Protein backbone atom coordinates (compact mmCIF):
# COMPACT_ATOMS: atom_id res chain seq x y z
CA MET A 1 -21.01 -4.11 13.34
CA ARG A 2 -19.75 -6.98 11.14
CA VAL A 3 -17.66 -5.90 8.00
CA LEU A 4 -16.53 -8.16 5.22
CA HIS A 5 -13.33 -7.29 3.44
CA VAL A 6 -12.90 -8.63 -0.04
CA PHE A 7 -9.78 -8.79 -2.23
CA LYS A 8 -8.03 -11.35 -4.53
CA THR A 9 -5.24 -12.04 -1.91
CA TYR A 10 -4.44 -11.69 1.77
CA MET A 11 -2.13 -12.78 4.35
CA PRO A 12 -0.41 -14.97 5.38
CA GLU A 13 -0.18 -16.05 1.75
CA THR A 14 0.84 -12.61 0.45
CA TYR A 15 2.03 -9.33 2.13
CA GLY A 16 1.70 -6.48 -0.61
CA GLY A 17 0.52 -3.10 -0.05
CA ILE A 18 -3.30 -3.56 -0.43
CA GLU A 19 -3.06 -6.49 2.19
CA ARG A 20 -1.33 -4.41 4.55
CA VAL A 21 -4.02 -1.75 4.13
CA ILE A 22 -6.71 -4.21 4.71
CA ASN A 23 -4.83 -5.59 7.79
CA SER A 24 -4.58 -2.08 9.18
CA ILE A 25 -8.31 -1.24 8.80
CA ALA A 26 -9.26 -4.40 10.37
CA GLY A 27 -6.96 -3.84 13.14
CA SER A 28 -7.71 -0.10 13.76
CA THR A 29 -11.54 -0.60 13.74
CA ALA A 30 -11.44 -3.53 16.03
CA ALA A 31 -11.17 -1.54 19.14
CA LEU A 32 -14.09 0.54 17.84
CA GLY A 33 -16.51 -2.32 17.75
CA VAL A 34 -16.19 -3.56 14.18
CA GLU A 35 -15.87 -7.19 13.63
CA SER A 36 -13.86 -7.93 10.45
CA THR A 37 -13.60 -10.97 8.14
CA VAL A 38 -11.45 -10.95 5.21
CA LEU A 39 -12.39 -13.09 2.09
CA SER A 40 -9.78 -13.78 -0.50
CA LEU A 41 -8.42 -16.59 -2.79
CA GLY A 42 -5.83 -19.03 -1.63
CA ARG A 43 -4.56 -22.56 -2.28
CA GLN A 44 -7.35 -24.19 -0.44
CA THR A 45 -11.08 -23.46 -0.19
CA ASP A 46 -13.29 -22.49 2.66
CA THR A 47 -10.19 -22.51 4.92
CA ALA A 48 -10.82 -20.36 7.96
CA GLY A 49 -7.87 -18.77 10.01
CA ASN A 50 -7.03 -15.87 12.18
CA VAL A 51 -4.63 -13.15 11.39
CA ASP A 52 -3.84 -10.47 13.90
CA GLY A 53 -7.19 -11.04 15.61
CA HIS A 54 -9.52 -11.10 12.72
CA ARG A 55 -11.17 -13.99 10.73
CA VAL A 56 -9.57 -14.80 7.42
CA LEU A 57 -11.54 -17.12 4.79
CA THR A 58 -10.13 -18.21 1.54
CA GLY A 59 -11.75 -19.70 -1.75
CA LYS A 60 -9.56 -21.92 -3.87
CA ARG A 61 -7.65 -20.22 -6.65
CA ASP A 62 -8.35 -22.25 -9.77
CA ILE A 63 -6.42 -20.25 -12.39
CA GLU A 64 -4.90 -16.82 -12.63
CA PHE A 65 -4.99 -14.69 -15.87
CA ALA A 66 -3.80 -11.25 -16.41
CA SER A 67 -3.14 -10.69 -12.76
CA THR A 68 -6.86 -11.88 -11.98
CA GLY A 69 -7.46 -14.90 -9.97
CA PHE A 70 -10.62 -16.86 -10.68
CA SER A 71 -12.35 -19.45 -8.31
CA ARG A 72 -15.39 -21.61 -8.80
CA ASP A 73 -16.04 -21.69 -5.12
CA PHE A 74 -15.60 -17.88 -4.53
CA ILE A 75 -19.27 -17.10 -5.54
CA ARG A 76 -20.74 -19.41 -3.18
CA LEU A 77 -18.56 -18.26 -0.33
CA LEU A 78 -19.33 -14.61 -1.06
CA ARG A 79 -22.99 -15.19 -1.02
CA ARG A 80 -22.79 -16.85 2.29
CA GLU A 81 -20.53 -14.49 3.94
CA ALA A 82 -22.43 -11.34 2.76
CA ALA A 83 -25.53 -12.65 4.35
CA GLU A 84 -23.80 -12.78 7.61
CA HIS A 85 -22.31 -9.40 7.59
CA ASP A 86 -23.77 -5.92 7.90
CA LEU A 87 -21.70 -4.29 5.26
CA ILE A 88 -19.04 -5.35 2.53
CA ASN A 89 -15.76 -3.42 1.93
CA TYR A 90 -14.54 -4.46 -1.53
CA HIS A 91 -11.07 -3.55 -2.38
CA PHE A 92 -10.63 -2.54 -6.04
CA PRO A 93 -9.28 -3.58 -8.48
CA TRP A 94 -10.08 -7.22 -9.03
CA PRO A 95 -12.42 -7.72 -12.00
CA PHE A 96 -13.58 -11.25 -10.93
CA MET A 97 -14.83 -9.55 -7.67
CA ASP A 98 -17.27 -7.34 -9.56
CA PHE A 99 -18.49 -10.42 -11.61
CA SER A 100 -18.89 -12.26 -8.35
CA HIS A 101 -20.74 -9.57 -6.83
CA PHE A 102 -23.53 -9.76 -9.30
CA ALA A 103 -23.45 -13.25 -9.99
CA ALA A 104 -24.13 -13.91 -6.15
CA ARG A 105 -26.87 -11.20 -6.09
CA ILE A 106 -25.61 -9.45 -3.31
CA ASN A 107 -28.12 -7.24 -1.45
CA THR A 108 -25.86 -6.18 1.31
CA LYS A 109 -24.74 -2.50 1.32
CA TYR A 110 -21.08 -2.17 0.08
CA VAL A 111 -18.31 0.35 -0.19
CA VAL A 112 -15.30 0.14 -2.49
CA THR A 113 -11.90 1.20 -1.25
CA TYR A 114 -10.35 2.20 -4.72
CA HIS A 115 -6.63 1.42 -4.38
CA SER A 116 -5.55 1.84 -8.05
CA ASP A 117 -6.65 2.33 -11.68
CA ILE A 118 -6.21 -0.41 -13.98
CA ILE A 119 -2.83 0.30 -15.63
CA ARG A 120 -1.37 -2.64 -17.38
CA GLN A 121 -4.25 -4.55 -18.93
CA ARG A 122 -5.51 -1.59 -20.99
CA ASN A 123 -6.80 -3.95 -23.76
CA LEU A 124 -8.63 -6.07 -21.31
CA LEU A 125 -10.01 -2.93 -19.54
CA LYS A 126 -12.11 -2.20 -22.68
CA LEU A 127 -14.05 -5.38 -22.17
CA TYR A 128 -14.28 -5.11 -18.45
CA ARG A 129 -15.26 -1.31 -18.35
CA PRO A 130 -19.06 -1.75 -18.56
CA LEU A 131 -19.11 -4.09 -15.52
CA MET A 132 -16.62 -1.88 -13.72
CA ARG A 133 -18.94 1.14 -14.15
CA ARG A 134 -21.98 -0.67 -12.79
CA PHE A 135 -20.10 -2.03 -9.88
CA LEU A 136 -18.75 1.37 -8.99
CA ARG A 137 -22.00 3.21 -9.68
CA GLU A 138 -23.95 1.07 -7.53
CA ALA A 139 -21.65 1.39 -4.48
CA ASP A 140 -22.62 3.33 -1.54
CA ARG A 141 -19.34 4.99 -1.13
CA LEU A 142 -15.95 4.97 -3.07
CA ILE A 143 -12.86 5.54 -0.76
CA ALA A 144 -9.85 6.98 -2.40
CA THR A 145 -6.45 6.89 -0.60
CA SER A 146 -5.36 10.47 -1.36
CA GLU A 147 -6.35 13.74 -2.94
CA ASN A 148 -3.59 13.23 -5.50
CA TYR A 149 -5.04 10.23 -6.91
CA VAL A 150 -8.58 11.46 -7.17
CA SER A 151 -7.30 14.43 -9.20
CA THR A 152 -5.35 12.08 -11.64
CA SER A 153 -7.79 9.30 -11.90
CA PRO A 154 -10.22 9.42 -15.01
CA THR A 155 -12.35 6.84 -13.42
CA LEU A 156 -12.94 8.39 -9.85
CA LYS A 157 -13.68 11.70 -11.49
CA GLU A 158 -16.91 10.03 -12.93
CA TYR A 159 -18.08 9.38 -9.48
CA ALA A 160 -16.94 12.53 -7.59
CA ASP A 161 -20.18 12.77 -5.69
CA LYS A 162 -19.66 9.82 -3.56
CA VAL A 163 -15.75 9.69 -3.21
CA GLU A 164 -14.38 10.01 0.26
CA ILE A 165 -10.77 10.17 1.11
CA ILE A 166 -9.15 8.26 3.78
CA PRO A 167 -5.38 7.90 3.74
CA PRO A 168 -4.23 4.52 4.89
CA GLY A 169 -2.29 4.49 8.19
CA ILE A 170 -0.25 2.24 10.38
CA GLU A 171 0.17 1.68 13.98
CA ASP A 172 3.04 3.89 15.69
CA VAL A 173 5.68 1.54 16.54
CA ALA A 174 8.49 4.14 16.43
CA ASN A 175 8.52 4.78 20.14
CA GLY A 176 8.81 1.22 21.21
CA ASP A 177 11.86 -0.18 22.91
CA PRO A 178 14.37 -0.98 19.99
CA ASP A 179 16.28 -3.94 19.80
CA SER A 180 19.81 -2.65 20.54
CA ASP A 181 21.52 -5.88 19.92
CA LEU A 182 19.73 -6.21 16.54
CA ILE A 183 20.56 -2.57 15.61
CA GLU A 184 24.25 -3.10 16.38
CA THR A 185 24.50 -6.17 14.40
CA TRP A 186 23.17 -4.27 11.40
CA ARG A 187 25.40 -1.29 12.09
CA GLY A 188 28.40 -3.70 12.05
CA ARG A 189 27.35 -5.18 8.75
CA PHE A 190 26.69 -1.74 7.13
CA PRO A 191 28.88 0.68 8.89
CA ARG A 192 28.64 3.41 6.11
CA SER A 193 25.88 5.73 5.46
CA PHE A 194 23.01 4.08 3.51
CA PHE A 195 19.66 4.79 2.05
CA LEU A 196 17.04 2.30 2.29
CA TYR A 197 14.26 0.86 0.10
CA THR A 198 11.72 -1.74 1.43
CA GLY A 199 8.95 -3.28 -0.66
CA VAL A 200 8.20 -6.05 -3.09
CA LEU A 201 10.26 -6.12 -6.12
CA ARG A 202 7.80 -5.51 -8.97
CA TYR A 203 7.94 -3.96 -12.47
CA TYR A 204 6.60 -0.66 -11.48
CA LYS A 205 9.05 0.18 -8.47
CA GLY A 206 11.65 1.76 -10.48
CA LEU A 207 14.39 0.03 -8.98
CA SER A 208 16.49 -0.20 -12.09
CA PHE A 209 16.70 3.54 -11.97
CA LEU A 210 17.91 3.19 -8.34
CA VAL A 211 20.56 0.77 -9.32
CA ASP A 212 21.73 3.30 -11.98
CA ALA A 213 21.73 6.22 -9.52
CA ALA A 214 23.86 4.15 -7.07
CA LEU A 215 26.84 4.53 -9.59
CA ALA A 216 26.75 8.31 -8.77
CA VAL A 217 26.40 8.36 -5.11
CA ASP A 218 28.89 7.94 -2.19
CA VAL A 219 26.50 5.84 0.14
CA ASP A 220 25.20 2.33 0.26
CA ILE A 221 21.89 1.43 -1.16
CA LEU A 222 19.98 -1.26 0.66
CA ILE A 223 17.11 -3.10 -0.88
CA VAL A 224 14.89 -4.99 1.38
CA GLY A 225 12.15 -7.17 -0.09
CA ALA A 226 11.59 -10.02 -2.69
CA GLY A 227 9.62 -10.43 -5.75
CA PRO A 228 9.57 -11.04 -9.53
CA GLU A 229 12.03 -8.45 -10.42
CA GLU A 230 14.81 -9.63 -7.97
CA ALA A 231 16.90 -11.85 -10.29
CA ARG A 232 16.98 -9.26 -13.15
CA LEU A 233 17.94 -6.51 -10.57
CA ARG A 234 20.72 -8.48 -9.07
CA ALA A 235 21.84 -9.26 -12.50
CA LEU A 236 21.78 -5.50 -13.48
CA ALA A 237 23.57 -4.29 -10.46
CA SER A 238 26.36 -6.90 -11.19
CA ALA A 239 26.69 -6.02 -14.76
CA LYS A 240 27.03 -2.33 -13.96
CA GLY A 241 29.43 -2.93 -11.08
CA ALA A 242 27.09 -1.27 -8.51
CA ASP A 243 29.02 -2.64 -5.53
CA ASN A 244 27.21 -0.44 -3.27
CA VAL A 245 23.71 -1.93 -3.79
CA HIS A 246 23.01 -4.58 -1.36
CA PHE A 247 19.95 -7.00 -1.83
CA LEU A 248 18.93 -8.22 1.54
CA GLY A 249 15.82 -10.32 0.61
CA ARG A 250 12.73 -10.48 2.65
CA LEU A 251 13.35 -9.58 6.45
CA ASP A 252 11.12 -9.74 9.39
CA GLU A 253 9.56 -6.58 10.89
CA ALA A 254 12.13 -6.28 13.65
CA ASP A 255 15.01 -6.29 11.11
CA LYS A 256 13.21 -3.90 8.77
CA TYR A 257 12.57 -1.24 11.53
CA ALA A 258 16.11 -1.78 12.76
CA LEU A 259 17.39 -0.88 9.30
CA LEU A 260 14.74 2.06 9.24
CA SER A 261 16.21 3.61 12.46
CA LEU A 262 19.64 3.39 11.16
CA CYS A 263 19.29 4.83 7.53
CA ASP A 264 20.05 8.29 6.52
CA GLY A 265 17.04 8.33 4.20
CA PHE A 266 14.35 6.30 2.59
CA VAL A 267 14.18 6.15 -1.31
CA PHE A 268 11.05 4.93 -3.11
CA PRO A 269 11.59 5.29 -6.96
CA SER A 270 8.40 3.83 -8.19
CA HIS A 271 7.87 5.26 -11.72
CA LEU A 272 4.39 4.08 -12.74
CA ARG A 273 0.82 4.71 -11.56
CA SER A 274 0.47 1.10 -10.47
CA GLU A 275 2.10 2.40 -7.34
CA ALA A 276 -0.96 4.19 -6.01
CA TYR A 277 -0.05 4.92 -2.57
CA GLY A 278 3.15 3.38 -0.71
CA MET A 279 2.76 2.06 2.77
CA SER A 280 6.57 1.93 2.96
CA LEU A 281 6.57 5.57 2.83
CA VAL A 282 4.28 5.92 5.74
CA GLU A 283 6.61 3.57 7.65
CA ALA A 284 9.54 5.87 6.90
CA ALA A 285 7.49 8.91 7.74
CA MET A 286 6.55 7.31 10.99
CA MET A 287 10.37 6.67 11.75
CA SER A 288 11.18 10.33 11.12
CA LYS A 289 12.99 9.74 7.94
CA PRO A 290 13.54 12.14 5.01
CA MET A 291 12.00 10.51 1.82
CA ILE A 292 12.70 10.58 -1.78
CA CYS A 293 10.01 9.43 -4.24
CA CYS A 294 8.96 10.20 -7.90
CA GLU A 295 6.07 12.39 -9.08
CA ILE A 296 3.66 10.02 -10.67
CA GLY A 297 0.40 11.90 -9.50
CA THR A 298 -0.44 9.11 -6.79
CA GLY A 299 -0.25 8.96 -3.08
CA THR A 300 3.56 8.76 -3.13
CA SER A 301 3.76 12.57 -3.37
CA PHE A 302 0.78 12.87 -0.83
CA ILE A 303 2.72 11.23 1.90
CA ASN A 304 6.09 12.85 0.89
CA VAL A 305 5.62 16.44 0.17
CA ASN A 306 8.47 17.96 -1.95
CA GLU A 307 10.70 20.15 -0.01
CA GLU A 308 8.77 19.56 3.32
CA THR A 309 9.27 15.95 4.06
CA GLY A 310 11.80 15.18 1.51
CA LEU A 311 12.18 15.39 -2.10
CA VAL A 312 9.94 14.55 -5.23
CA VAL A 313 11.82 14.06 -8.42
CA PRO A 314 10.57 13.18 -11.97
CA PRO A 315 10.11 9.50 -12.73
CA GLU A 316 12.58 7.41 -14.62
CA SER A 317 15.35 9.79 -14.03
CA SER A 318 18.41 8.03 -12.35
CA ALA A 319 20.25 11.38 -12.32
CA ASP A 320 17.54 13.00 -10.39
CA ILE A 321 17.46 10.12 -7.89
CA ALA A 322 21.23 10.28 -7.39
CA ASN A 323 21.27 14.10 -6.95
CA ALA A 324 18.61 13.81 -4.32
CA ILE A 325 20.40 11.10 -2.42
CA ASN A 326 23.61 13.24 -2.68
CA ARG A 327 21.82 16.32 -1.42
CA LEU A 328 20.34 14.67 1.63
CA SER A 329 23.53 12.82 2.43
CA ARG A 330 25.63 16.01 2.01
CA SER A 331 23.27 18.04 4.11
CA PRO A 332 22.43 16.42 7.40
CA GLU A 333 20.67 19.31 9.04
CA GLU A 334 18.21 19.56 6.06
CA ALA A 335 17.66 15.78 6.25
CA SER A 336 16.97 16.01 9.78
CA ARG A 337 14.44 18.76 9.31
CA PHE A 338 12.59 16.79 6.47
CA GLY A 339 12.59 13.81 8.91
CA ARG A 340 11.01 15.95 11.67
CA MET A 341 8.26 17.24 9.30
CA ALA A 342 7.85 13.63 7.94
CA ARG A 343 7.03 12.47 11.56
CA ARG A 344 4.62 15.53 12.14
CA ARG A 345 2.66 14.54 8.73
CA TYR A 346 2.52 11.04 10.00
CA GLU A 347 1.14 12.11 13.34
CA GLU A 348 -1.54 14.31 11.73
CA LEU A 349 -2.75 12.13 8.86
CA LEU A 350 -1.27 8.82 8.73
CA THR A 351 -1.82 6.90 11.96
CA ALA A 352 -3.93 3.78 12.22
CA ASP A 353 -6.07 5.42 14.92
CA ARG A 354 -7.21 8.11 12.66
CA MET A 355 -7.92 5.83 9.71
CA GLY A 356 -9.87 3.50 11.77
CA ARG A 357 -12.07 6.34 13.44
CA VAL A 358 -13.09 7.73 9.84
CA TYR A 359 -13.65 4.23 8.54
CA LYS A 360 -15.94 3.38 11.36
CA ALA A 361 -17.79 6.69 10.87
CA LEU A 362 -18.23 5.97 7.23
CA TYR A 363 -19.50 2.58 7.80
CA GLN A 364 -21.98 3.77 10.34
CA ASN A 365 -23.16 6.50 8.04
CA VAL A 366 -23.80 3.98 4.95
CA LEU A 367 -25.80 1.64 7.40
CA ASN A 368 -27.81 4.45 8.93
CA SER A 369 -28.74 6.20 5.89
CA GLU A 370 -30.22 5.83 2.41
CA ASP A 371 -28.42 9.03 0.69
CA ARG A 372 -24.78 9.52 0.32
CA ARG A 373 -24.03 12.16 2.83
CA GLN A 374 -20.46 13.18 3.26
CA ILE A 375 -18.35 12.09 6.08
CA ILE A 376 -16.81 15.01 7.90
CA SER A 377 -13.00 14.48 8.19
CA GLN A 378 -12.21 13.59 11.63
C-alpha cells in the first residue's frame, strides 16, 4: 500500500506538531506494509529526500500569505504523485491544498486528518468556506485527533457520519538507557525543582501567562523551544523580574528527554483553540510526568485528564497556573500518582503502535469499500 501525505510544511525544514504527527504516522505504519511519501512546500522544487525511512518531496514555496503557502509547481507534483499512490492522506488545514486537489483533478481516494479549525483568519474563512466544505464533503473519511475536539468543532459536526477518532501517538522511548552524563550535566545546571515546557514559541501557547505565574511559584520554569514569540517573552520575563524563568532555545531530543526525566511536572499553558492537540503532552505522559494544561475544548484535556493525570485550569489565568504548579510541587505523592496515571493513559491510548494499527485499518477499509463503514477501534 502506498500512501501520499500532504501538508504545507514538513521536516527537515520545520518541526511543528502536525509535522511530528505525520512523521509518527509514516513511521508506525511502515512496519505494517505502508509505504509513505510526504509532499509539502519548501525552498526548492521537486527535491526528493528521506526522513526517518520515508520519502519526502517538496514543491518550491513561491509566496506565503495568511499562514498559507502557495506554489506554482505544487499542482503538477500533486497530480503526478497522486497517480502513483493508492491513497492520499491530506492534513488539514491548508486552503491551497484544497484548491490544488481540485485543480489537479485528483481521482485517487483520500482521507483528511483534521488537525484544527481555522481560528485566526476568520474573515478569509468566509471566502474559503465553500471550497473547504466541498473538499471535506468529498473525502472518504475525516480523522479527528480527539473526542474533545469533535465535540467543540462546528465544522466537524457537519460531517459526523464519517468522522473517525485516532489520537496521535509517539514511539515509546521512556524505557531506553538514559544518558547519565547528560542528566547529571542538566542536574548540575538546574539543581532546584523545576517545571518544564517544550514546544514552538507561538502566539497561542499562553507563555506570557506562564511568565506571570512564575512570579508566584517557588520553583524554576524551563522553556525549551524557539519561535516567533521568543524575543517578546524574554523581554517580558526580564521586565517583570522573573529570574526563575529560563529560556533554553531549541534542544536536541536527548537533551529534551533528559530534562523531561528530571522535571517535577510539565506545564502546557496554551490558551487558544489553535492548540488542537499537544504532542508535547504525549511526551510528558510517556515519561510519567504530572501535567498542567488549560481547558480550551481540544485535545490538550483529552491527553491530560483533570485530577487523574494532572490538573486542567482555566485559560489565560496566571493565578490558576501558579496554584497548579504550587500544588504539585508541594504534594510530591499526588504528583507521583498523577504521573503514574499519565503513563498508563499513554500505554492505553497514545502509543505509535496503536495509532499505526488503526490508521492502517482505516486505509484498508477505504481502499476495499465504496461505503463509509466505521472502523472498530483497535
